Structures are given as structure tokens and as C-alpha cells.
Protein backbone atom coordinates (compact mmCIF):
# COMPACT_ATOMS: atom_id res chain seq x y z
CA MET A 1 0.00 0.02 -0.02
CA GLU A 2 1.43 3.36 -1.03
CA LYS A 3 1.65 6.01 1.58
CA ASN A 4 -0.05 9.31 0.90
CA LEU A 5 3.12 11.12 -0.23
CA ASN A 6 3.29 14.40 -2.01
CA TYR A 7 4.88 13.60 -5.30
CA HIS A 8 4.77 16.66 -7.52
CA CYS A 9 6.25 18.15 -10.66
CA ILE A 10 6.93 21.87 -10.96
CA LEU A 11 7.48 23.97 -14.09
CA CYS A 12 9.24 27.25 -13.26
CA VAL A 13 9.66 30.12 -15.73
CA ARG A 14 11.53 33.37 -15.39
CA SER A 15 10.78 36.16 -17.82
CA ASN A 16 10.73 39.92 -18.27
CA GLU A 17 7.35 39.64 -20.06
CA VAL A 18 4.02 38.22 -18.91
CA PRO A 19 1.87 38.13 -22.09
CA PRO A 20 3.78 35.31 -23.78
CA LEU A 21 3.53 33.23 -20.62
CA VAL A 22 -0.20 33.51 -20.25
CA GLN A 23 -0.84 33.31 -23.99
CA ALA A 24 0.72 29.82 -23.95
CA MET A 25 -1.91 28.59 -21.49
CA LEU A 26 -5.40 27.36 -22.25
CA PRO A 27 -7.72 30.24 -21.32
CA ARG A 28 -9.50 28.37 -18.52
CA ARG A 29 -6.21 27.26 -16.97
CA VAL A 30 -4.29 30.51 -16.92
CA GLN A 31 -4.87 31.00 -13.19
CA ARG A 32 -2.93 27.80 -12.48
CA LEU A 33 0.30 29.54 -13.50
CA LYS A 34 1.24 31.52 -10.34
CA ILE A 35 3.24 34.56 -11.40
CA THR A 36 5.20 36.72 -9.01
CA ASP A 37 6.28 40.25 -9.98
CA ARG A 38 9.56 41.28 -8.31
CA ASP A 39 8.43 44.92 -8.66
CA SER A 40 5.19 44.37 -6.73
CA PRO A 41 4.87 46.21 -3.37
CA GLU A 42 4.92 42.85 -1.52
CA GLU A 43 8.13 41.65 -3.21
CA LYS A 44 9.83 45.03 -2.74
CA ALA A 45 8.93 44.93 0.98
CA ALA A 46 10.22 41.35 1.34
CA THR A 47 13.49 42.33 -0.40
CA GLU A 48 13.91 45.33 1.96
CA ARG A 49 13.32 43.13 4.99
CA LYS A 50 16.01 40.74 3.75
CA ARG A 51 18.45 43.59 3.19
CA ARG A 52 17.82 44.93 6.72
CA LEU A 53 18.68 41.46 8.00
CA GLY A 54 22.03 41.77 6.25
CA PHE A 55 21.47 39.63 3.18
CA SER A 56 23.25 40.87 0.11
CA LEU A 57 20.71 40.53 -2.71
CA PRO A 58 21.76 41.27 -6.25
CA PRO A 59 18.85 42.27 -8.47
CA PRO A 60 17.39 39.22 -10.15
CA PRO A 61 17.83 39.16 -13.93
CA PHE A 62 14.11 38.62 -14.57
CA ARG A 63 11.13 40.61 -13.38
CA TYR A 64 8.60 37.73 -13.36
CA PHE A 65 8.76 34.28 -11.87
CA GLY A 66 5.94 31.74 -12.75
CA VAL A 67 5.25 28.37 -11.21
CA LEU A 68 2.89 25.64 -12.38
CA SER A 69 2.67 22.60 -10.07
CA SER A 70 1.02 19.23 -10.18
CA SER A 71 0.80 19.17 -6.38
CA GLY A 72 -2.71 18.25 -5.38
CA GLN A 73 -3.65 17.52 -9.01
CA VAL A 74 -1.90 14.23 -9.70
CA LYS A 75 -1.32 11.41 -7.20
CA GLY A 76 1.49 8.88 -7.18
CA PRO A 77 5.07 8.65 -8.39
CA ASP A 78 4.44 8.26 -12.16
CA ILE A 79 6.47 11.14 -13.51
CA LEU A 80 4.84 10.83 -16.95
CA ARG A 81 1.36 11.50 -15.52
CA HIS A 82 2.68 14.59 -13.68
CA VAL A 83 4.39 15.97 -16.74
CA GLU A 84 1.40 15.22 -18.98
CA TRP A 85 -0.85 17.10 -16.51
CA LEU A 86 1.47 20.11 -16.57
CA PHE A 87 1.46 20.25 -20.34
CA SER A 88 -2.34 19.68 -20.52
CA ASN A 89 -2.59 23.27 -19.23
CA PHE A 90 -1.04 24.69 -22.42
CA ARG A 91 -2.37 25.21 -25.93
CA PRO A 92 -1.86 21.93 -27.86
CA GLU A 93 0.50 23.57 -30.35
CA PHE A 94 2.58 25.27 -27.67
CA ASP A 95 6.23 24.40 -27.32
CA LEU A 96 8.34 25.62 -24.40
CA THR A 97 11.03 26.75 -26.79
CA GLU A 98 8.68 29.63 -27.72
CA TRP A 99 9.60 31.10 -24.32
CA LYS A 100 13.24 30.95 -25.24
CA SER A 101 12.55 33.23 -28.19
CA ILE A 102 11.55 36.02 -25.71
CA GLY A 103 14.61 35.43 -23.54
CA ALA A 104 12.78 33.49 -20.81
CA GLU A 105 14.33 30.60 -18.90
CA TYR A 106 12.39 27.57 -17.67
CA GLU A 107 12.94 24.27 -15.89
CA LEU A 108 11.09 21.18 -14.74
CA SER A 109 11.64 19.42 -11.42
CA PHE A 110 10.04 16.44 -9.85
CA ALA A 111 9.99 15.60 -6.14
CA TRP A 112 10.01 11.81 -5.71
CA TRP A 113 9.29 10.44 -2.30
CA GLY A 114 10.20 6.93 -1.47
CA GLY A 115 12.69 4.20 -2.28
CA LEU A 116 15.15 5.30 0.36
CA GLY A 117 17.56 2.40 0.75
CA THR A 118 15.74 0.27 -1.81
CA ALA A 119 16.60 -0.69 -5.32
CA TYR A 120 13.93 1.22 -7.14
CA GLY A 121 13.52 4.80 -8.15
CA PRO A 122 11.86 7.11 -10.66
CA SER A 123 11.92 5.97 -14.27
CA ILE A 124 11.83 7.92 -17.54
CA ALA A 125 9.41 6.25 -19.94
CA PRO A 126 9.94 6.75 -23.72
CA GLU A 127 6.74 8.82 -23.81
CA LEU A 128 8.17 11.19 -21.17
CA ALA A 129 11.55 11.34 -22.98
CA ASP A 130 9.60 12.40 -26.13
CA ILE A 131 7.88 15.22 -24.26
CA LEU A 132 11.10 16.45 -22.71
CA ALA A 133 12.89 16.30 -26.10
CA ARG A 134 10.05 18.15 -27.89
CA HIS A 135 10.23 21.00 -25.35
CA ARG A 136 14.03 20.82 -25.02
CA VAL A 137 13.74 20.90 -21.26
CA THR A 138 15.76 19.04 -18.60
CA LEU A 139 13.94 17.31 -15.79
CA GLY A 140 15.59 17.44 -12.38
CA ILE A 141 14.51 14.73 -9.91
CA SER A 142 14.79 15.28 -6.17
CA VAL A 143 14.70 11.99 -4.19
CA TYR A 144 13.56 12.24 -0.57
């Protein structure tokens, strides 16, 4: 019996433009991409608090940071299901490399819980490899 563990895949994007990010999404799923603006009053206040605490913070190279997560949407350790869910939020013809054309950077990561001390771990199915190759994106896997 599998424990109720929080496996999740996250797509992060950094950009100086928002319209290309949201235009990539299906209209009814745009709100799933959580975008933070480093120039918002909240972010400026957080940066100022960190500076007062003595942290040296160089300005980030991008104004916007977006996150799309499968957490709470897909259960289990099947990476392909998580990645497919992430990409199901985008227009079918969208390709992540479109974001490269505007100077954005993006990455995928997967948190895999389990297998500590055992002989099994996450696997990359050919279908998942095809998706990663199509979008020219690396998938980092964190094992806990």
C-alpha cells in the first residue's frame, strides 16, 4: 500500500514579459500559473526586510517568476502522469522553446518520495523522454 506522499512536478519560468507566458496557457487554466512580480509592493517589501537582516541581494535578472505545479492535482510517483498534466494546461501547439525566443528561462523538477535504501527509483518512460525532447527541457529529480 502506497503512503499518501506528496509527489509533484513543478514547471518554473523566469521572464521579463508576462503576455507570452499566459498566451501559452489554455484560457480556462491561466490562473494555475502563479506569477510573482519582483516589482510588486509585496516583493519590494520582502526584499527590503532581507536587506535589513544583512542579506546581500543582487537584483534578479528577470522581473517575473511563474510556477505551475502538479501538487494536489496528480497522485502517485508516475512522472509521466505529472508531466502530462502540466502540459495539458497549455495550448496543444505550444512548445516551451517559444519562451526561449523572448529570452525566458524555464525548468522542470520532480519531487520523488520513497525508495530510500531500496533498489527502485523514478523511471523515464519513452513517452516522457519524447515530451522532454520536444520541449528541449531538462527534468531534475529530487529524491527524498
